[in-house]
């Protein structure tokens, strides 16, 4: 099997259907057969709403349960249930665009040493000026990513909810640290993966994501929080922020 989509979902009945439909359409658009070449696994992470029912209503989607609430726990549960050579970690409020899967397969096809691939978010449900600010943030983060990866050799950058990893690399890493239940989990993954092979961030792999957290907590607050957790996870190997707020539609 070429690729497995793993989707952690806690009380995501409002946005999950759109996300899964986009994955399914992209798989079929690339001539892959669901269940043979690709699979979509939704991890019902202690949901109390209709998350499971929404997922099961979409043909070809497999639902597994992880009662331990936490993003890291859910991702690992989905990985254990998957069979693909590539594991695409997509959040339940994330919508991959046409061409996303083609880019993934081309990137991994060109490099035997590439073990992780990620791209930025473009947020929906927010004013245009918010995405301008986010774009500026990504450009600054990209320069830090290049410095850390190619100069300091201390890690790389992954966008949680829009990244792909090789199964073989995940098996070498083993179970993730449960210290990272939410913030910093993607940076910790990038740091650990970079010891196995190349971890690349590219603007050629964008995905749409809900701007609900930016609206709910503020762009500046979220930007500072993610920045601090990036540096803490990279250099101190622990999260800066251990508690988080669940914001749903």
Protein backbone atom coordinates (compact mmCIF):
# COMPACT_ATOMS: atom_id res chain seq x y z
CA UNK A 1 0.00 0.00 0.00
CA UNK A 2 1.39 3.39 -1.02
CA UNK A 3 -0.15 5.76 1.52
CA UNK A 4 -2.25 5.78 4.68
CA UNK A 5 -4.10 8.91 5.80
CA UNK A 6 -4.31 9.08 9.60
CA UNK A 7 -6.84 11.57 10.96
CA UNK A 8 -7.06 12.18 14.75
CA UNK A 9 -10.54 13.40 15.64
CA UNK A 10 -11.94 14.65 18.93
CA UNK A 11 -15.51 16.00 18.64
CA UNK A 12 -15.02 16.93 14.99
CA UNK A 13 -18.48 16.15 13.58
CA UNK A 14 -18.80 19.65 12.08
CA UNK A 15 -15.66 19.68 9.90
CA UNK A 16 -14.59 16.06 9.55
CA UNK A 17 -16.79 15.21 6.58
CA UNK A 18 -15.28 17.92 4.38
CA UNK A 19 -11.76 16.84 5.30
CA UNK A 20 -12.37 13.16 4.56
CA UNK A 21 -14.16 13.86 1.30
CA UNK A 22 -11.17 15.89 0.09
CA UNK A 23 -8.82 13.00 0.91
CA UNK A 24 -11.04 10.48 -0.83
CA UNK A 25 -11.37 12.66 -3.92
CA UNK A 26 -7.61 13.19 -4.07
CA UNK A 27 -6.92 9.46 -3.81
CA UNK A 28 -9.32 8.69 -6.66
CA UNK A 29 -8.02 11.64 -8.69
CA UNK A 30 -4.59 10.03 -8.70
CA UNK A 31 -5.91 6.69 -9.90
CA UNK A 32 -5.40 4.89 -6.59
CA UNK A 33 -7.78 2.30 -5.19
CA UNK A 34 -8.97 2.82 -1.61
CA UNK A 35 -8.26 -0.29 0.41
CA UNK A 36 -5.56 -1.42 -2.00
CA UNK A 37 -3.26 1.52 -2.80
CA UNK A 38 -4.44 3.93 -0.11
CA UNK A 39 -6.48 4.02 3.07
CA UNK A 40 -8.12 6.59 5.32
CA UNK A 41 -8.07 5.91 9.06
CA UNK A 42 -9.98 8.13 11.47
CA UNK A 43 -8.92 7.85 15.09
CA UNK A 44 -11.92 8.60 17.29
CA UNK A 45 -10.10 10.18 20.21
CA UNK A 46 -12.57 9.99 23.10
CA UNK A 47 -15.23 11.93 21.20
CA UNK A 48 -18.62 12.54 22.78
CA UNK A 49 -20.37 13.72 19.61
CA UNK A 50 -21.14 12.09 16.23
CA UNK A 51 -17.53 11.97 15.02
CA UNK A 52 -17.58 8.20 14.45
CA UNK A 53 -20.90 8.30 12.63
CA UNK A 54 -19.73 11.06 10.29
CA UNK A 55 -16.56 9.12 9.43
CA UNK A 56 -18.33 5.81 8.93
CA UNK A 57 -20.80 7.42 6.54
CA UNK A 58 -18.00 8.02 4.00
CA UNK A 59 -17.24 4.97 1.90
CA UNK A 60 -13.80 3.48 2.43
CA UNK A 61 -13.06 5.20 5.74
CA UNK A 62 -11.94 3.01 8.66
CA UNK A 63 -12.59 4.16 12.24
CA UNK A 64 -10.45 3.06 15.19
CA UNK A 65 -10.90 4.15 18.81
CA UNK A 66 -8.28 5.67 21.10
CA UNK A 67 -9.82 6.40 24.52
CA UNK A 68 -6.70 8.17 25.82
CA UNK A 69 -7.29 11.79 24.89
CA UNK A 70 -4.28 13.42 23.28
CA UNK A 71 -3.00 14.20 19.81
CA UNK A 72 0.19 12.14 20.13
CA UNK A 73 -1.73 9.14 21.44
CA UNK A 74 -4.22 9.39 18.58
CA UNK A 75 -1.54 9.68 15.90
CA UNK A 76 0.29 6.63 17.23
CA UNK A 77 -2.93 4.62 17.42
CA UNK A 78 -3.60 5.45 13.78
CA UNK A 79 -0.06 4.54 12.80
CA UNK A 80 -0.38 1.13 14.44
CA UNK A 81 -3.60 0.51 12.50
CA UNK A 82 -2.12 1.64 9.17
CA UNK A 83 -0.47 -0.37 6.41
CA UNK A 84 0.94 2.26 4.03
CA UNK A 85 4.55 2.86 3.11
CA UNK A 86 3.82 6.56 3.66
CA UNK A 87 1.78 7.88 6.59
CA UNK A 88 -0.03 11.15 5.93
CA UNK A 89 -0.98 12.87 9.19
CA UNK A 90 -3.91 15.14 8.42
CA UNK A 91 -6.00 16.96 11.01
CA UNK A 92 -9.78 16.63 11.03
CA UNK A 93 -10.27 20.30 10.10
CA UNK A 94 -7.69 20.21 7.29
CA UNK A 95 -8.63 20.09 3.60
CA UNK A 96 -5.97 18.92 1.15
CA UNK A 97 -6.20 20.53 -2.32
CA UNK A 98 -6.02 18.89 -5.75
CA UNK A 99 -2.41 18.05 -6.57
CA UNK A 100 -1.42 17.48 -2.93
CA UNK A 101 -0.98 13.72 -3.26
CA UNK A 102 0.84 13.99 -6.58
CA UNK A 103 3.37 16.33 -4.98
CA UNK A 104 3.87 13.94 -2.05
CA UNK A 105 4.49 10.94 -4.28
CA UNK A 106 6.87 12.91 -6.50
CA UNK A 107 8.87 14.26 -3.59
CA UNK A 108 9.38 10.86 -1.99
CA UNK A 109 9.97 9.27 -5.41
CA UNK A 110 12.87 11.64 -6.10
CA UNK A 111 14.73 11.00 -2.83
CA UNK A 112 15.51 7.76 -1.04
CA UNK A 113 16.77 9.65 2.00
CA UNK A 114 13.62 11.75 2.52
CA UNK A 115 11.69 10.49 5.57
CA UNK A 116 9.42 13.46 6.36
CA UNK A 117 7.62 16.06 4.26
CA UNK A 118 5.39 18.96 5.26
CA UNK A 119 3.89 22.21 4.04
CA UNK A 120 2.09 25.31 5.34
CA UNK A 121 -1.51 26.04 6.19
CA UNK A 122 -3.80 28.49 4.44
CA UNK A 123 -6.61 29.26 6.86
CA UNK A 124 -10.28 29.41 5.97
CA UNK A 125 -12.96 31.18 7.99
CA UNK A 126 -10.70 34.17 8.72
CA UNK A 127 -10.25 37.64 7.14
CA UNK A 128 -7.72 37.87 4.31
CA UNK A 129 -5.37 39.98 6.46
CA UNK A 130 -4.96 37.05 8.86
CA UNK A 131 -3.50 34.86 6.12
CA UNK A 132 -1.18 37.73 5.18
CA UNK A 133 0.15 37.78 8.75
CA UNK A 134 0.39 33.98 8.83
CA UNK A 135 2.28 34.06 5.53
CA UNK A 136 4.83 36.46 7.01
CA UNK A 137 5.16 34.19 10.04
CA UNK A 138 5.83 31.19 7.78
CA UNK A 139 8.52 33.08 5.88
CA UNK A 140 10.34 33.87 9.12
CA UNK A 141 9.88 30.31 10.36
CA UNK A 142 11.27 29.00 7.07
CA UNK A 143 14.55 30.84 7.58
CA UNK A 144 14.84 29.35 11.08
CA UNK A 145 14.06 25.92 9.64
CA UNK A 146 16.86 26.23 7.07
CA UNK A 147 19.34 27.37 9.72
CA UNK A 148 18.42 24.60 12.16
CA UNK A 149 18.42 21.89 9.51
CA UNK A 150 21.47 22.73 7.43
CA UNK A 151 23.70 24.76 9.79
CA UNK A 152 23.02 23.62 13.36
CA UNK A 153 21.78 20.14 12.42
CA UNK A 154 19.42 20.16 15.40
CA UNK A 155 16.14 19.32 13.70
CA UNK A 156 13.69 20.44 11.08
CA UNK A 157 10.10 21.69 10.78
CA UNK A 158 6.79 19.91 10.32
CA UNK A 159 3.34 21.49 10.27
CA UNK A 160 1.19 19.37 12.54
CA UNK A 161 -1.86 18.25 10.61
CA UNK A 162 -0.17 18.49 7.21
CA UNK A 163 2.82 16.17 7.13
CA UNK A 164 3.85 12.80 5.72
CA UNK A 165 6.39 10.34 7.12
CA UNK A 166 7.85 7.06 5.95
CA UNK A 167 6.69 3.97 7.82
CA UNK A 168 10.24 2.60 8.07
CA UNK A 169 11.41 5.81 9.75
CA UNK A 170 8.53 5.70 12.23
CA UNK A 171 9.41 2.14 13.16
CA UNK A 172 12.98 3.20 13.87
CA UNK A 173 11.77 5.96 16.18
CA UNK A 174 9.36 3.78 18.15
CA UNK A 175 6.63 5.21 20.33
CA UNK A 176 6.58 9.00 20.70
CA UNK A 177 7.18 10.87 23.93
CA UNK A 178 3.93 11.40 25.80
CA UNK A 179 5.33 14.66 27.17
CA UNK A 180 4.05 16.20 23.93
CA UNK A 181 0.29 15.77 24.03
CA UNK A 182 -0.46 18.78 21.82
CA UNK A 183 1.89 21.75 21.49
CA UNK A 184 5.36 20.92 20.13
CA UNK A 185 4.51 17.39 19.06
CA UNK A 186 5.26 18.13 15.40
CA UNK A 187 8.58 19.80 16.24
CA UNK A 188 9.57 16.87 18.44
CA UNK A 189 8.70 14.51 15.59
CA UNK A 190 10.79 16.59 13.15
CA UNK A 191 13.75 16.61 15.53
CA UNK A 192 13.65 12.85 16.04
CA UNK A 193 13.04 12.09 12.35
CA UNK A 194 15.97 14.27 11.28
CA UNK A 195 18.28 11.75 12.95
CA UNK A 196 16.99 9.06 10.58
CA UNK A 197 16.86 10.97 7.28
CA UNK A 198 15.84 14.15 5.55
CA UNK A 199 12.84 16.14 6.84
CA UNK A 200 11.69 18.75 4.34
CA UNK A 201 9.31 21.70 4.62
CA UNK A 202 8.09 23.07 1.30
CA UNK A 203 5.63 25.74 0.20
CA UNK A 204 4.68 23.40 -2.65
CA UNK A 205 2.53 21.37 -0.23
CA UNK A 206 -0.08 23.75 1.22
CA UNK A 207 -3.33 22.65 2.83
CA UNK A 208 -6.37 24.53 4.04
CA UNK A 209 -7.16 24.51 7.74
CA UNK A 210 -9.83 26.01 9.96
CA UNK A 211 -8.87 29.35 11.46
CA UNK A 212 -10.99 28.68 14.56
CA UNK A 213 -8.01 28.71 16.94
CA UNK A 214 -6.70 31.97 15.48
CA UNK A 215 -10.14 33.53 15.91
CA UNK A 216 -10.69 32.06 19.36
CA UNK A 217 -7.31 32.93 20.91
CA UNK A 218 -5.87 35.62 18.65
CA UNK A 219 -3.21 35.58 15.93
CA UNK A 220 -0.46 37.13 18.07
CA UNK A 221 -1.09 34.80 21.02
CA UNK A 222 -1.05 31.71 18.82
CA UNK A 223 2.04 32.87 16.94
CA UNK A 224 4.01 33.42 20.15
CA UNK A 225 2.81 30.15 21.65
CA UNK A 226 3.82 28.08 18.63
CA UNK A 227 7.15 29.88 18.38
CA UNK A 228 8.01 29.20 22.02
CA UNK A 229 7.01 25.57 21.73
CA UNK A 230 9.08 25.21 18.56
CA UNK A 231 12.24 26.42 20.32
CA UNK A 232 11.51 24.49 23.53
CA UNK A 233 10.90 21.23 21.65
CA UNK A 234 13.98 21.72 19.48
CA UNK A 235 16.52 22.75 22.10
CA UNK A 236 15.05 21.64 25.46
CA UNK A 237 13.21 18.55 24.22
CA UNK A 238 10.03 19.38 26.10
CA UNK A 239 6.92 21.50 25.48
CA UNK A 240 6.73 25.11 26.58
CA UNK A 241 2.93 24.84 26.88
CA UNK A 242 1.48 21.66 28.36
CA UNK A 243 -2.21 22.63 28.56
CA UNK A 244 -4.41 23.49 25.60
CA UNK A 245 -7.96 24.57 24.86
CA UNK A 246 -10.21 22.52 22.58
CA UNK A 247 -11.87 24.93 20.16
CA UNK A 248 -14.61 23.46 18.00
CA UNK A 249 -17.17 24.86 15.58
